[in-house]
Amino acid sequence: MPSFRPLVLAVAVAGLLAAAGLLAACAASPAGQPAGPAPTTQAGPAPTGARVAADAVRLRLAGFAGGPGFTLPDDLGGRPLVLNVWASWCGPCRTEMPAFQQVYLKAKDRVGFLGLDYLDVEAAARRFVAKTGVTYPLAADPKGQAGARLGVASLPATLFIGADGTVRGRHPGAMTATQLRAAIRRYLEVSIP
């Protein structure tokens, strides 16, 4: 009598591969959008009357080192946002932080900046911020949950978020001041000298 075990095993493996492919396809997100479910923060009207898009990023971020938190899209204030994800243990983050500070000082009246400290130790992050002299607002993501919702796969990572709360662009890796100004112009349509 022929054995059906190899056939049953082959069918089971094929079924598992098909299920895995289906799950991967469902988890994938449209280009430029963060993967995974949207965070559940309720969206209220932006303070300056800017319209919040239905597909806006909705996320509540903890304050850095006891500072104030930040809620997307509620705290955008009608302005677009440069959201830079960094960590004290990230070498390229150390390289780009002065460039972000330089552009922030010229852009802060037209574009919001927020640094998100990702999977870091608070004491090391505090020392790092003090050493770099960064003065733009910071938030903390010690468990990496916000970064995961934003689709962060490596550091540094920068997201460009419109005044309506939608992700307009992403840049993985370190940026110079020139690259950052060009990305702000491209994704947020704001020119910075």
Protein backbone atom coordinates (compact mmCIF):
# COMPACT_ATOMS: atom_id res chain seq x y z
CA MET A 1 0.00 0.00 0.00
CA PRO A 2 1.50 3.41 -0.98
CA SER A 3 2.43 5.82 1.81
CA PHE A 4 0.65 9.18 1.81
CA ARG A 5 2.95 10.76 4.41
CA PRO A 6 5.21 12.59 1.90
CA LEU A 7 2.14 13.94 0.10
CA VAL A 8 0.50 15.11 3.35
CA LEU A 9 3.76 16.72 4.46
CA ALA A 10 4.17 18.50 1.10
CA VAL A 11 0.58 19.82 1.25
CA ALA A 12 1.07 21.02 4.84
CA VAL A 13 4.32 22.84 3.96
CA ALA A 14 2.70 24.44 0.91
CA GLY A 15 -0.22 25.58 3.06
CA LEU A 16 2.09 27.12 5.65
CA LEU A 17 4.10 28.93 2.95
CA ALA A 18 0.90 30.27 1.40
CA ALA A 19 -0.33 31.48 4.80
CA ALA A 20 3.02 33.15 5.52
CA GLY A 21 2.91 34.89 2.14
CA LEU A 22 -0.61 36.10 2.77
CA LEU A 23 0.36 37.46 6.19
CA ALA A 24 3.39 39.23 4.72
CA ALA A 25 1.26 40.78 1.99
CA CYS A 26 -1.30 41.98 4.54
CA ALA A 27 1.40 43.44 6.78
CA ALA A 28 2.99 45.37 3.93
CA SER A 29 1.88 48.96 3.71
CA PRO A 30 1.47 51.34 0.78
CA ALA A 31 4.64 53.16 -0.22
CA GLY A 32 5.51 55.99 2.14
CA GLN A 33 3.17 54.82 4.89
CA PRO A 34 4.19 53.22 8.17
CA ALA A 35 3.60 49.48 8.49
CA GLY A 36 1.24 48.03 11.05
CA PRO A 37 -1.94 49.32 12.58
CA ALA A 38 -2.39 53.02 13.15
CA PRO A 39 -1.88 54.10 16.74
CA THR A 40 -5.11 54.81 18.55
CA THR A 41 -4.68 58.36 19.82
CA GLN A 42 -7.83 60.37 19.16
CA ALA A 43 -7.30 63.22 16.74
CA GLY A 44 -8.63 66.58 17.69
CA PRO A 45 -8.60 69.69 15.56
CA ALA A 46 -5.15 71.17 15.09
CA PRO A 47 -4.77 74.39 17.12
CA THR A 48 -4.38 76.63 14.07
CA GLY A 49 -7.34 75.15 12.22
CA ALA A 50 -5.31 72.94 9.85
CA ARG A 51 -7.32 70.00 8.55
CA VAL A 52 -6.22 66.60 9.87
CA ALA A 53 -6.17 63.90 7.18
CA ALA A 54 -8.02 60.63 7.69
CA ASP A 55 -4.75 58.73 7.22
CA ALA A 56 -2.76 60.96 9.58
CA VAL A 57 -0.18 59.37 11.88
CA ARG A 58 -1.80 59.08 15.30
CA LEU A 59 0.75 58.60 18.01
CA ARG A 60 1.39 59.67 21.60
CA LEU A 61 5.09 60.04 22.43
CA ALA A 62 6.53 60.16 25.93
CA GLY A 63 8.55 63.18 26.97
CA PHE A 64 12.34 62.94 26.92
CA ALA A 65 14.01 62.93 30.35
CA GLY A 66 10.83 64.04 32.10
CA GLY A 67 10.00 66.74 29.56
CA PRO A 68 6.66 67.25 27.84
CA GLY A 69 5.27 64.52 25.59
CA PHE A 70 4.14 64.99 22.01
CA THR A 71 0.94 63.79 20.33
CA LEU A 72 0.60 63.41 16.57
CA PRO A 73 -1.23 65.01 14.85
CA ASP A 74 -2.65 67.15 17.68
CA ASP A 75 0.58 68.94 18.56
CA LEU A 76 1.60 69.89 15.01
CA GLY A 77 0.16 73.37 15.48
CA GLY A 78 -0.69 73.64 11.79
CA ARG A 79 2.96 73.22 10.78
CA PRO A 80 4.76 70.35 9.06
CA LEU A 81 7.19 68.30 11.15
CA VAL A 82 10.66 66.82 10.75
CA LEU A 83 10.73 63.74 13.00
CA ASN A 84 14.25 62.40 13.49
CA VAL A 85 14.66 59.01 15.18
CA TRP A 86 18.03 58.62 16.93
CA ALA A 87 19.89 56.94 19.79
CA SER A 88 23.03 57.73 21.78
CA TRP A 89 24.61 54.42 20.69
CA CYS A 90 24.14 55.25 16.97
CA GLY A 91 27.35 56.60 15.37
CA PRO A 92 25.66 58.19 12.31
CA CYS A 93 23.14 59.86 14.65
CA ARG A 94 26.05 61.62 16.36
CA THR A 95 27.28 62.84 13.00
CA GLU A 96 23.96 64.30 11.85
CA MET A 97 22.67 65.92 15.08
CA PRO A 98 24.63 69.18 14.59
CA ALA A 99 23.21 69.49 11.05
CA PHE A 100 19.66 69.05 12.39
CA GLN A 101 20.30 71.70 15.04
CA GLN A 102 21.66 74.10 12.41
CA VAL A 103 18.62 73.68 10.14
CA TYR A 104 16.21 73.78 13.10
CA LEU A 105 17.49 77.23 14.12
CA LYS A 106 16.68 78.56 10.63
CA ALA A 107 13.40 76.67 10.14
CA LYS A 108 11.72 76.61 13.56
CA ASP A 109 9.19 79.32 12.71
CA ARG A 110 7.89 77.39 9.68
CA VAL A 111 8.67 73.72 10.37
CA GLY A 112 8.46 71.81 13.64
CA PHE A 113 11.32 69.53 14.67
CA LEU A 114 11.13 66.57 17.02
CA GLY A 115 13.89 64.15 17.93
CA LEU A 116 12.73 60.69 19.03
CA ASP A 117 15.21 58.86 21.26
CA TYR A 118 14.78 55.20 20.30
CA LEU A 119 15.62 52.08 22.37
CA ASP A 120 18.07 54.01 24.50
CA VAL A 121 19.22 54.24 28.10
CA GLU A 122 18.02 57.56 29.54
CA ALA A 123 21.29 58.50 31.27
CA ALA A 124 23.33 57.89 28.09
CA ALA A 125 20.78 59.79 26.01
CA ARG A 126 20.89 62.78 28.39
CA ARG A 127 24.69 62.90 28.17
CA PHE A 128 24.51 62.67 24.39
CA VAL A 129 21.99 65.54 24.12
CA ALA A 130 24.07 67.70 26.48
CA LYS A 131 27.20 67.02 24.42
CA THR A 132 25.53 67.85 21.07
CA GLY A 133 23.75 70.98 22.35
CA VAL A 134 20.48 70.12 20.62
CA THR A 135 17.70 72.55 21.56
CA TYR A 136 14.76 71.27 19.49
CA PRO A 137 12.03 69.28 21.28
CA LEU A 138 12.74 65.65 22.13
CA ALA A 139 10.57 62.63 22.93
CA ALA A 140 11.44 59.15 24.19
CA ASP A 141 10.69 55.68 22.85
CA PRO A 142 12.59 53.42 25.29
CA LYS A 143 10.75 50.23 24.24
CA GLY A 144 10.72 50.92 20.50
CA GLN A 145 6.94 50.79 20.16
CA ALA A 146 6.57 54.18 18.47
CA GLY A 147 9.46 53.45 16.12
CA ALA A 148 7.84 50.17 15.12
CA ARG A 149 4.54 51.92 14.38
CA LEU A 150 6.40 54.49 12.30
CA GLY A 151 8.13 51.75 10.30
CA VAL A 152 11.64 52.52 11.56
CA ALA A 153 14.00 49.74 10.47
CA SER A 154 17.40 51.36 11.10
CA LEU A 155 18.93 54.47 12.64
CA PRO A 156 19.03 57.28 12.07
CA ALA A 157 15.70 57.65 10.31
CA THR A 158 13.88 60.85 9.45
CA LEU A 159 10.20 61.20 8.64
CA PHE A 160 8.69 64.28 7.04
CA ILE A 161 5.13 64.79 8.25
CA GLY A 162 2.76 67.29 6.66
CA ALA A 163 0.68 69.77 8.67
CA ASP A 164 -2.26 67.42 8.07
CA GLY A 165 -0.44 64.61 9.92
CA THR A 166 0.42 62.42 6.92
CA VAL A 167 3.89 61.03 6.26
CA ARG A 168 5.12 62.82 3.14
CA GLY A 169 8.57 61.28 2.98
CA ARG A 170 11.25 59.22 4.72
CA HIS A 171 15.01 59.22 4.72
CA PRO A 172 16.93 56.27 6.17
CA GLY A 173 20.46 57.09 7.26
CA ALA A 174 22.35 60.22 8.26
CA MET A 175 21.74 63.56 6.56
CA THR A 176 23.85 66.66 6.10
CA ALA A 177 22.33 70.12 6.55
CA THR A 178 22.16 70.48 2.75
CA GLN A 179 20.38 67.14 2.36
CA LEU A 180 17.96 68.01 5.17
CA ARG A 181 17.06 71.40 3.64
CA ALA A 182 16.51 69.70 0.25
CA ALA A 183 14.28 67.03 1.82
CA ILE A 184 12.22 69.67 3.66
CA ARG A 185 11.76 71.51 0.36
CA ARG A 186 10.88 68.27 -1.49
CA TYR A 187 8.55 66.64 1.02
CA LEU A 188 7.16 69.57 3.02
CA GLU A 189 7.35 72.28 0.32
CA VAL A 190 9.12 74.73 2.60
CA SER A 191 12.37 76.45 1.59
CA ILE A 192 14.98 76.91 4.30
CA PRO A 193 18.01 79.15 3.67
